[in-house]
């Protein structure tokens, strides 16, 4: 479920604050959401988000699209996860624009010092930016970037259509329909499966009886 900040009202008013907390609790309980995504989190005070996600009682991930590492990562203290926009921008520069991989190395060294870095939302494409293949049509670079998305610290997120090789540009052209275009035979789809499917060894372990 996605929540937009513009509909949140005046969070400094106690009545509004309480109503919003009750609303998200009701919404999650009624529709059995298992997570919420919150857009444009810098537009709302951090202390409100702490109460809000506690009221929701499910996994929360926020969006702060600024390319400033400390500014984005500080929101990990207010909710479970935030989209790793600094990491995304570094991937674009290093892979998509074929910039220096040394800059990517330095980014990873800085990331090592970030508390809760394992909870960052790592992504390659999303509905707000041009798709990777729109900027650079190389499937070889896309595959390398996908590997990095899965391998770096964080929770990997694959935006629908990336696995089909979609090439949409700016919003709304990056929000292509999936109906009739979902092909499991796609090269990129099969490539993603290499990193999301359990290995034969893992499948064998899952079938082994546990020792009492």
Protein backbone atom coordinates (compact mmCIF):
# COMPACT_ATOMS: atom_id res chain seq x y z
CA UNK A 1 0.00 0.00 0.00
CA UNK A 2 1.31 3.47 -0.92
CA UNK A 3 0.59 6.60 1.15
CA UNK A 4 1.07 10.12 -0.15
CA UNK A 5 2.20 12.87 2.24
CA UNK A 6 -0.03 15.48 0.60
CA UNK A 7 -3.10 13.80 2.08
CA UNK A 8 -1.78 13.75 5.63
CA UNK A 9 -3.15 17.12 6.83
CA UNK A 10 -1.63 19.14 9.69
CA UNK A 11 0.24 16.56 11.75
CA UNK A 12 1.13 19.12 14.44
CA UNK A 13 -2.52 19.25 15.56
CA UNK A 14 -3.16 16.54 18.20
CA UNK A 15 -6.61 15.67 16.83
CA UNK A 16 -5.36 15.29 13.26
CA UNK A 17 -2.39 13.28 14.47
CA UNK A 18 -4.55 10.87 16.44
CA UNK A 19 -7.06 10.47 13.62
CA UNK A 20 -4.30 9.62 11.14
CA UNK A 21 -2.85 7.04 13.51
CA UNK A 22 -6.28 5.48 14.03
CA UNK A 23 -6.93 5.56 10.29
CA UNK A 24 -3.77 3.68 9.33
CA UNK A 25 -4.41 1.11 12.07
CA UNK A 26 -7.95 0.57 10.76
CA UNK A 27 -6.79 0.42 7.14
CA UNK A 28 -4.12 -2.22 7.81
CA UNK A 29 -6.44 -4.31 9.99
CA UNK A 30 -9.34 -4.12 7.54
CA UNK A 31 -7.47 -4.91 4.33
CA UNK A 32 -4.70 -7.07 5.84
CA UNK A 33 -1.83 -5.12 4.31
CA UNK A 34 1.56 -6.58 5.16
CA UNK A 35 3.49 -3.38 4.44
CA UNK A 36 3.17 0.30 3.60
CA UNK A 37 5.21 2.54 1.30
CA UNK A 38 5.20 6.23 2.21
CA UNK A 39 6.02 8.85 -0.42
CA UNK A 40 7.93 12.11 0.13
CA UNK A 41 8.67 11.52 3.80
CA UNK A 42 10.74 14.74 4.27
CA UNK A 43 7.53 16.77 3.91
CA UNK A 44 6.29 15.48 7.28
CA UNK A 45 8.09 15.74 10.66
CA UNK A 46 10.04 12.64 11.65
CA UNK A 47 8.40 12.30 15.05
CA UNK A 48 5.03 11.86 13.37
CA UNK A 49 6.34 9.02 11.22
CA UNK A 50 7.53 7.17 14.31
CA UNK A 51 3.99 7.18 15.75
CA UNK A 52 2.40 6.47 12.38
CA UNK A 53 4.41 3.36 11.55
CA UNK A 54 3.97 2.08 15.10
CA UNK A 55 0.22 2.47 14.67
CA UNK A 56 0.35 0.64 11.35
CA UNK A 57 2.08 -2.31 12.95
CA UNK A 58 3.48 -3.62 9.65
CA UNK A 59 6.65 -3.16 7.63
CA UNK A 60 7.16 0.42 6.43
CA UNK A 61 9.40 1.85 3.72
CA UNK A 62 9.69 5.56 2.99
CA UNK A 63 10.73 7.59 -0.02
CA UNK A 64 13.26 10.40 0.28
CA UNK A 65 14.54 11.06 -3.24
CA UNK A 66 17.32 13.48 -2.26
CA UNK A 67 20.82 12.37 -3.29
CA UNK A 68 22.40 13.10 0.11
CA UNK A 69 23.42 9.96 1.96
CA UNK A 70 23.22 11.03 5.61
CA UNK A 71 20.00 12.95 5.04
CA UNK A 72 18.28 9.89 3.55
CA UNK A 73 19.74 7.28 5.88
CA UNK A 74 18.79 9.22 9.02
CA UNK A 75 15.17 8.27 8.31
CA UNK A 76 16.01 4.68 9.23
CA UNK A 77 15.47 5.88 12.81
CA UNK A 78 11.86 6.83 11.98
CA UNK A 79 10.66 3.76 10.07
CA UNK A 80 11.73 0.25 9.11
CA UNK A 81 13.28 1.09 5.75
CA UNK A 82 13.90 3.88 3.24
CA UNK A 83 14.50 3.68 -0.49
CA UNK A 84 18.23 3.96 -1.12
CA UNK A 85 18.20 6.88 -3.54
CA UNK A 86 21.88 7.74 -3.01
CA UNK A 87 22.73 4.15 -3.93
CA UNK A 88 20.42 4.27 -6.93
CA UNK A 89 22.04 7.46 -8.22
CA UNK A 90 25.49 5.96 -7.80
CA UNK A 91 24.44 2.88 -9.76
CA UNK A 92 23.11 5.11 -12.54
CA UNK A 93 26.39 7.01 -12.70
CA UNK A 94 28.61 3.93 -12.57
CA UNK A 95 26.64 1.48 -14.72
CA UNK A 96 24.08 3.35 -16.78
CA UNK A 97 26.30 6.32 -17.63
CA UNK A 98 29.45 4.15 -17.51
CA UNK A 99 31.16 6.35 -14.96
CA UNK A 100 33.95 5.37 -12.60
CA UNK A 101 33.60 2.12 -10.64
CA UNK A 102 36.04 3.64 -8.14
CA UNK A 103 33.25 6.02 -7.12
CA UNK A 104 31.03 2.98 -6.58
CA UNK A 105 33.73 1.45 -4.40
CA UNK A 106 33.91 4.60 -2.28
CA UNK A 107 30.13 4.60 -1.93
CA UNK A 108 30.21 1.02 -0.64
CA UNK A 109 32.88 1.93 1.89
CA UNK A 110 30.69 4.76 3.19
CA UNK A 111 27.70 2.43 3.29
CA UNK A 112 29.61 0.11 5.62
CA UNK A 113 29.33 2.74 8.36
CA UNK A 114 25.54 3.16 8.08
CA UNK A 115 23.54 1.58 10.93
CA UNK A 116 20.65 -0.59 9.70
CA UNK A 117 22.07 -0.53 6.17
CA UNK A 118 20.59 -4.02 5.69
CA UNK A 119 17.13 -2.42 5.72
CA UNK A 120 17.68 0.05 2.90
CA UNK A 121 15.48 -0.50 -0.15
CA UNK A 122 17.88 -1.22 -3.02
CA UNK A 123 16.39 -0.58 -6.47
CA UNK A 124 17.32 -0.09 -10.11
CA UNK A 125 14.10 1.20 -11.69
CA UNK A 126 10.95 2.78 -10.30
CA UNK A 127 7.85 4.70 -11.39
CA UNK A 128 9.43 8.13 -10.86
CA UNK A 129 12.53 7.80 -13.03
CA UNK A 130 13.48 6.75 -16.54
CA UNK A 131 14.10 3.06 -16.82
CA UNK A 132 17.68 1.85 -16.98
CA UNK A 133 17.34 0.69 -20.59
CA UNK A 134 15.84 4.02 -21.65
CA UNK A 135 19.09 5.77 -20.77
CA UNK A 136 21.43 3.01 -21.92
CA UNK A 137 20.04 0.11 -24.02
CA UNK A 138 22.82 -2.30 -23.06
CA UNK A 139 21.44 -5.53 -21.60
CA UNK A 140 24.95 -6.41 -20.43
CA UNK A 141 25.08 -3.31 -18.24
CA UNK A 142 21.53 -3.99 -17.04
CA UNK A 143 22.52 -7.48 -15.93
CA UNK A 144 25.54 -6.13 -14.04
CA UNK A 145 23.33 -3.53 -12.35
CA UNK A 146 20.81 -6.22 -11.38
CA UNK A 147 23.57 -8.26 -9.76
CA UNK A 148 24.66 -5.21 -7.81
CA UNK A 149 21.08 -4.55 -6.70
CA UNK A 150 20.86 -8.04 -5.23
CA UNK A 151 24.40 -8.12 -3.85
CA UNK A 152 24.71 -4.78 -2.06
CA UNK A 153 23.40 -4.13 1.43
CA UNK A 154 19.64 -3.80 1.63
CA UNK A 155 16.34 -5.24 0.48
CA UNK A 156 16.42 -5.70 -3.31
CA UNK A 157 13.41 -4.30 -5.18
CA UNK A 158 12.74 -5.15 -8.84
CA UNK A 159 10.23 -2.76 -10.40
CA UNK A 160 7.64 -4.52 -12.56
CA UNK A 161 8.75 -4.50 -16.17
CA UNK A 162 12.49 -4.46 -15.54
CA UNK A 163 12.45 -8.24 -15.84
CA UNK A 164 10.75 -7.83 -19.23
CA UNK A 165 13.31 -5.37 -20.57
CA UNK A 166 10.92 -2.39 -20.61
CA UNK A 167 12.46 0.89 -21.76
CA UNK A 168 9.98 3.57 -20.65
CA UNK A 169 11.16 7.15 -20.21
CA UNK A 170 9.87 9.80 -17.84
CA UNK A 171 6.61 9.35 -15.93
CA UNK A 172 4.06 8.18 -17.13
CA UNK A 173 5.92 6.31 -19.88
CA UNK A 174 7.84 4.28 -17.31
CA UNK A 175 4.57 2.81 -15.99
CA UNK A 176 3.92 0.40 -18.84
CA UNK A 177 1.08 -2.10 -18.51
CA UNK A 178 2.05 -5.68 -17.73
CA UNK A 179 -1.10 -7.38 -19.03
CA UNK A 180 -0.21 -9.51 -22.02
CA UNK A 181 3.47 -8.66 -21.67
CA UNK A 182 4.56 -10.96 -18.84
CA UNK A 183 6.87 -13.53 -20.41
CA UNK A 184 8.73 -15.92 -18.13
CA UNK A 185 10.92 -16.80 -21.10
CA UNK A 186 12.37 -13.27 -21.11
CA UNK A 187 16.18 -13.29 -20.83
CA UNK A 188 16.11 -10.70 -18.05
CA UNK A 189 13.36 -12.58 -16.19
CA UNK A 190 15.43 -15.75 -16.28
CA UNK A 191 18.48 -13.81 -15.17
CA UNK A 192 16.60 -12.42 -12.14
CA UNK A 193 15.55 -15.96 -11.22
CA UNK A 194 19.20 -16.84 -10.72
CA UNK A 195 19.26 -14.50 -7.72
CA UNK A 196 15.75 -15.02 -6.34
CA UNK A 197 15.22 -18.78 -6.61
CA UNK A 198 16.66 -21.15 -4.00
CA UNK A 199 19.64 -23.15 -5.14
CA UNK A 200 19.39 -26.96 -5.43
CA UNK A 201 21.38 -27.19 -2.19
CA UNK A 202 18.95 -24.84 -0.41
CA UNK A 203 15.95 -26.79 -1.72
CA UNK A 204 17.53 -30.02 -0.48
CA UNK A 205 18.10 -28.47 2.97
CA UNK A 206 14.46 -27.35 3.15
CA UNK A 207 13.34 -30.97 2.63
CA UNK A 208 15.65 -32.38 5.29
CA UNK A 209 13.96 -33.25 8.61
CA UNK A 210 15.01 -31.01 11.44
CA UNK A 211 17.00 -32.59 14.23
CA UNK A 212 15.09 -32.66 17.51
